[in-house]
Amino acid sequence: MRNIVEIKEVFKTIDKEEILSGINLQIAEGEIYGFLGPNGAGKTTLMKCMLSLSTITSGSIEIFGKNLHEHREEILSQIGSIIESPIFYDNCTAKEILEIHAQYMGKNITDSDVIRVLRMVGLKNTTKKVKDFSLGMRQRLGLARAFLTKPKLLILDEPINGLDPIGIQEIRNLLLSLSKEHGITILISSHILSEISQIADKIGFIKNGEMVEQVSMKEIRRENINLEEYFMSHFLNDIKNYEVD
């Protein structure tokens, strides 16, 4: 199985402070990769670098077998993402937001495509303005925008933030379907370890800008422990920053 993402010795320095320190990371096609780490560890920074929202100081990022710096537009056109809290035009409806995004991405998206994606994430009211959305509804709309253009890779930073338990379960099932049935590769960060353990094939743990552990969920299960117990045994001082239920 080929790697969709190949990150090699990536460093990022801001004002002489090293934010990322020699990151190496590989994500195979169709894999769900859970990206974990305390606040400020470098998760969002690396994701931004993968989306050309931030530049690296040295190293290389290859996506779909091509260098991101050299093939930026081609690569980004095949990626859907949520980074931090999604931002929208508040006076637009959900349907209008997705139509604007499709135009921006240069994709030929039909009304039925828009309605289909909104239903996928549980947004059935297409006339309600975004300014009246709850946090959970805004998060669902962010996911719909990420899915709209049928990307080959999803980069999702805390995508279940603000969702109720039913919403979390729905998005979990949706991500599993996208990966297992449609072969979409997913990089996802979350503070809810129990949720990541239910969907991820592989886990990477970043601390102080360094990738300190990468392990498959199969390996963890072979030890007859769950993800929470695994990280409690390896990262006791950091695990307090996570939700375990």
Protein backbone atom coordinates (compact mmCIF):
# COMPACT_ATOMS: atom_id res chain seq x y z
CA MET A 1 0.00 0.00 0.00
CA ARG A 2 1.49 3.33 -1.03
CA ASN A 3 1.98 6.25 1.33
CA ILE A 4 -0.24 9.26 0.63
CA VAL A 5 1.72 11.45 3.08
CA GLU A 6 5.51 11.43 3.50
CA ILE A 7 6.93 13.98 5.94
CA LYS A 8 10.69 13.87 6.31
CA GLU A 9 12.82 15.70 8.89
CA VAL A 10 10.54 18.74 9.06
CA PHE A 11 11.70 21.62 11.21
CA LYS A 12 9.93 24.91 11.80
CA THR A 13 11.46 27.81 13.69
CA ILE A 14 9.73 31.05 14.69
CA ASP A 15 11.79 33.85 16.27
CA LYS A 16 14.57 31.37 17.02
CA GLU A 17 12.13 29.05 18.81
CA GLU A 18 11.91 25.55 17.36
CA ILE A 19 8.21 24.69 16.94
CA LEU A 20 8.71 21.45 14.99
CA SER A 21 11.83 19.37 15.49
CA GLY A 22 12.70 16.83 12.82
CA ILE A 23 9.19 15.43 12.29
CA ASN A 24 8.94 12.18 10.32
CA LEU A 25 5.49 10.85 9.51
CA GLN A 26 3.98 8.49 6.94
CA ILE A 27 0.29 7.86 6.28
CA ALA A 28 -0.75 5.01 4.01
CA GLU A 29 -3.55 5.25 1.49
CA GLY A 30 -6.98 4.72 3.10
CA GLU A 31 -5.52 4.87 6.61
CA ILE A 32 -6.96 6.86 9.51
CA TYR A 33 -4.05 8.37 11.43
CA GLY A 34 -4.78 9.69 14.92
CA PHE A 35 -2.55 12.64 15.80
CA LEU A 36 -2.28 13.22 19.54
CA GLY A 37 -0.40 15.60 21.77
CA PRO A 38 -0.81 18.18 24.56
CA ASN A 39 -1.90 21.72 23.75
CA GLY A 40 0.98 23.58 22.11
CA ALA A 41 2.77 20.37 21.11
CA GLY A 42 2.78 21.25 17.39
CA LYS A 43 -0.22 19.31 15.99
CA THR A 44 -2.01 22.28 14.43
CA THR A 45 1.27 23.80 13.23
CA LEU A 46 2.17 20.65 11.30
CA MET A 47 -1.32 20.43 9.81
CA LYS A 48 -1.06 24.06 8.69
CA CYS A 49 2.29 23.29 7.05
CA MET A 50 0.66 20.38 5.19
CA LEU A 51 -1.93 22.83 3.84
CA SER A 52 0.60 25.54 2.91
CA LEU A 53 -0.93 27.84 5.53
CA SER A 54 2.49 27.96 7.17
CA THR A 55 5.96 27.33 5.78
CA ILE A 56 8.55 24.90 7.08
CA THR A 57 12.13 25.92 7.84
CA SER A 58 13.65 22.72 6.47
CA GLY A 59 12.77 19.17 5.51
CA SER A 60 10.18 18.03 2.99
CA ILE A 61 6.45 17.32 2.75
CA GLU A 62 5.26 15.01 0.00
CA ILE A 63 1.56 14.35 -0.59
CA PHE A 64 0.27 12.01 -3.31
CA GLY A 65 3.92 11.36 -4.17
CA LYS A 66 4.65 15.00 -5.03
CA ASN A 67 6.52 17.75 -3.23
CA LEU A 68 4.06 20.20 -1.66
CA HIS A 69 6.22 23.25 -2.36
CA GLU A 70 6.53 22.40 -6.06
CA HIS A 71 2.96 21.17 -6.69
CA ARG A 72 0.96 23.24 -4.21
CA GLU A 73 -2.22 23.94 -6.19
CA GLU A 74 -2.51 20.44 -7.62
CA ILE A 75 -2.11 18.84 -4.19
CA LEU A 76 -4.38 21.21 -2.27
CA SER A 77 -7.20 20.72 -4.77
CA GLN A 78 -7.40 17.10 -3.57
CA ILE A 79 -7.46 17.85 0.18
CA GLY A 80 -10.38 18.68 2.47
CA SER A 81 -9.65 20.19 5.87
CA ILE A 82 -10.77 21.69 9.14
CA ILE A 83 -8.12 23.68 10.97
CA GLU A 84 -9.09 25.10 14.37
CA SER A 85 -12.63 26.58 14.40
CA PRO A 86 -14.23 26.84 10.94
CA ILE A 87 -14.84 30.41 9.75
CA PHE A 88 -17.83 31.32 7.57
CA TYR A 89 -19.78 34.26 6.18
CA ASP A 90 -22.40 34.50 8.93
CA ASN A 91 -25.14 36.00 6.75
CA CYS A 92 -25.04 33.07 4.31
CA THR A 93 -26.95 29.81 4.56
CA ALA A 94 -25.17 26.46 4.77
CA LYS A 95 -26.04 25.79 1.14
CA GLU A 96 -24.61 29.15 0.04
CA ILE A 97 -21.40 28.52 2.02
CA LEU A 98 -20.82 25.27 0.16
CA GLU A 99 -21.62 26.82 -3.22
CA ILE A 100 -19.09 29.60 -2.56
CA HIS A 101 -16.48 27.01 -1.55
CA ALA A 102 -17.07 24.97 -4.71
CA GLN A 103 -16.59 28.08 -6.86
CA TYR A 104 -13.41 28.98 -4.99
CA MET A 105 -12.02 25.47 -5.49
CA GLY A 106 -12.97 25.52 -9.18
CA LYS A 107 -15.07 22.39 -8.82
CA ASN A 108 -18.22 21.56 -10.78
CA ILE A 109 -20.60 20.86 -7.89
CA THR A 110 -24.35 20.43 -8.41
CA ASP A 111 -27.20 21.31 -6.04
CA SER A 112 -27.71 17.61 -5.39
CA ASP A 113 -24.04 17.29 -4.38
CA VAL A 114 -24.48 20.12 -1.87
CA ILE A 115 -27.67 18.65 -0.40
CA ARG A 116 -26.09 15.18 -0.23
CA VAL A 117 -23.09 16.43 1.76
CA LEU A 118 -25.24 18.50 4.13
CA ARG A 119 -27.34 15.42 4.84
CA MET A 120 -24.19 13.36 5.38
CA VAL A 121 -23.24 15.59 8.31
CA GLY A 122 -26.79 15.94 9.64
CA LEU A 123 -27.61 19.47 8.41
CA LYS A 124 -31.03 19.28 6.80
CA ASN A 125 -32.11 22.93 7.14
CA THR A 126 -30.50 24.59 4.10
CA THR A 127 -32.12 28.02 4.60
CA LYS A 128 -30.97 28.85 8.14
CA LYS A 129 -28.21 31.47 8.27
CA VAL A 130 -24.87 30.50 9.77
CA LYS A 131 -25.05 33.33 12.34
CA ASP A 132 -27.86 31.33 14.01
CA PHE A 133 -25.85 28.08 14.12
CA SER A 134 -24.70 26.47 17.36
CA LEU A 135 -21.03 25.48 17.76
CA GLY A 136 -21.91 21.91 16.88
CA MET A 137 -23.78 22.98 13.74
CA ARG A 138 -20.83 25.13 12.63
CA GLN A 139 -18.55 22.15 13.13
CA ARG A 140 -20.85 19.99 11.00
CA LEU A 141 -20.81 22.65 8.29
CA GLY A 142 -17.01 22.70 8.44
CA LEU A 143 -17.00 18.95 7.87
CA ALA A 144 -19.46 19.32 4.97
CA ARG A 145 -17.15 21.88 3.38
CA ALA A 146 -14.20 19.52 3.82
CA PHE A 147 -16.09 16.61 2.21
CA LEU A 148 -17.75 18.59 -0.60
CA THR A 149 -15.11 18.30 -3.30
CA LYS A 150 -14.62 14.55 -2.79
CA PRO A 151 -11.02 14.85 -1.55
CA LYS A 152 -8.51 12.02 -1.48
CA LEU A 153 -7.07 13.26 1.83
CA LEU A 154 -8.81 14.80 4.86
CA ILE A 155 -6.86 16.83 7.42
CA LEU A 156 -9.11 17.34 10.43
CA ASP A 157 -8.04 19.31 13.50
CA GLU A 158 -10.43 18.55 16.40
CA PRO A 159 -13.40 17.85 14.07
CA ILE A 160 -15.72 16.61 16.82
CA ASN A 161 -15.27 19.71 18.97
CA GLY A 162 -18.67 21.02 20.06
CA LEU A 163 -20.63 17.95 18.99
CA ASP A 164 -23.01 16.11 21.30
CA PRO A 165 -22.62 12.34 21.82
CA ILE A 166 -25.01 11.51 18.97
CA GLY A 167 -23.16 13.90 16.65
CA ILE A 168 -19.82 12.37 17.62
CA GLN A 169 -21.11 8.89 16.83
CA GLU A 170 -22.49 10.05 13.45
CA ILE A 171 -19.20 11.68 12.45
CA ARG A 172 -17.25 8.64 13.67
CA ASN A 173 -19.32 6.35 11.45
CA LEU A 174 -18.99 8.76 8.54
CA LEU A 175 -15.19 8.91 8.79
CA LEU A 176 -14.97 5.13 9.02
CA SER A 177 -17.13 4.83 5.91
CA LEU A 178 -15.06 7.35 3.98
CA SER A 179 -11.88 5.45 4.87
CA LYS A 180 -12.95 1.83 4.59
CA GLU A 181 -15.48 2.05 1.76
CA HIS A 182 -14.10 4.92 -0.31
CA GLY A 183 -10.35 4.69 0.39
CA ILE A 184 -10.02 8.27 1.65
CA THR A 185 -6.95 8.90 3.79
CA ILE A 186 -7.59 10.79 7.03
CA LEU A 187 -5.30 12.64 9.46
CA ILE A 188 -7.29 13.54 12.57
CA SER A 189 -6.37 15.20 15.85
CA SER A 190 -8.50 15.06 18.99
CA HIS A 191 -8.27 15.32 22.75
CA ILE A 192 -10.81 12.50 23.17
CA LEU A 193 -8.62 9.41 23.25
CA SER A 194 -11.51 6.97 23.47
CA GLU A 195 -12.93 8.35 20.24
CA ILE A 196 -9.62 8.20 18.37
CA SER A 197 -9.14 4.60 19.53
CA GLN A 198 -12.41 3.60 17.83
CA ILE A 199 -11.47 4.87 14.38
CA ALA A 200 -7.69 5.14 14.02
CA ASP A 201 -5.49 2.54 12.34
CA LYS A 202 -2.31 4.22 13.56
CA ILE A 203 -1.45 6.71 16.30
CA GLY A 204 1.25 9.36 16.40
CA PHE A 205 2.09 11.26 19.59
CA ILE A 206 3.82 14.63 19.39
CA LYS A 207 5.38 16.42 22.37
CA ASN A 208 7.27 19.71 22.37
CA GLY A 209 7.43 19.65 18.58
CA GLU A 210 8.92 16.14 18.42
CA MET A 211 7.26 12.93 17.24
CA VAL A 212 7.94 10.71 20.22
CA GLU A 213 5.82 7.66 19.39
CA GLN A 214 4.09 6.08 16.39
CA VAL A 215 2.21 2.83 16.91
CA SER A 216 -0.61 0.92 15.24
CA MET A 217 -3.84 0.26 17.14
CA LYS A 218 -3.27 -3.44 16.42
CA GLU A 219 -0.01 -3.29 18.41
CA ILE A 220 -1.76 -1.58 21.32
CA ARG A 221 -4.55 -4.15 21.34
CA ARG A 222 -2.00 -6.98 21.31
CA GLU A 223 -0.83 -5.67 24.68
CA ASN A 224 -4.42 -6.21 25.92
CA ILE A 225 -4.78 -2.57 26.95
CA ASN A 226 -6.73 0.35 25.55
CA LEU A 227 -5.35 3.60 24.15
CA GLU A 228 -5.84 5.50 27.41
CA GLU A 229 -3.90 2.88 29.37
CA TYR A 230 -1.17 2.81 26.73
CA PHE A 231 -0.54 6.51 26.96
CA MET A 232 -0.91 6.54 30.72
CA SER A 233 2.00 4.10 30.82
CA HIS A 234 4.12 6.02 28.31
CA PHE A 235 3.18 9.67 28.84
CA LEU A 236 1.88 9.97 32.39
CA ASN A 237 2.75 13.66 32.73
CA ASP A 238 0.96 14.61 29.51
CA ILE A 239 -2.14 12.43 29.55
CA LYS A 240 -3.89 14.79 31.99
CA ASN A 241 -4.57 17.11 29.03
CA TYR A 242 -6.93 14.56 27.46
CA GLU A 243 -10.47 13.40 27.95
CA VAL A 244 -10.62 9.65 28.46
CA ASP A 245 -14.39 9.11 28.47
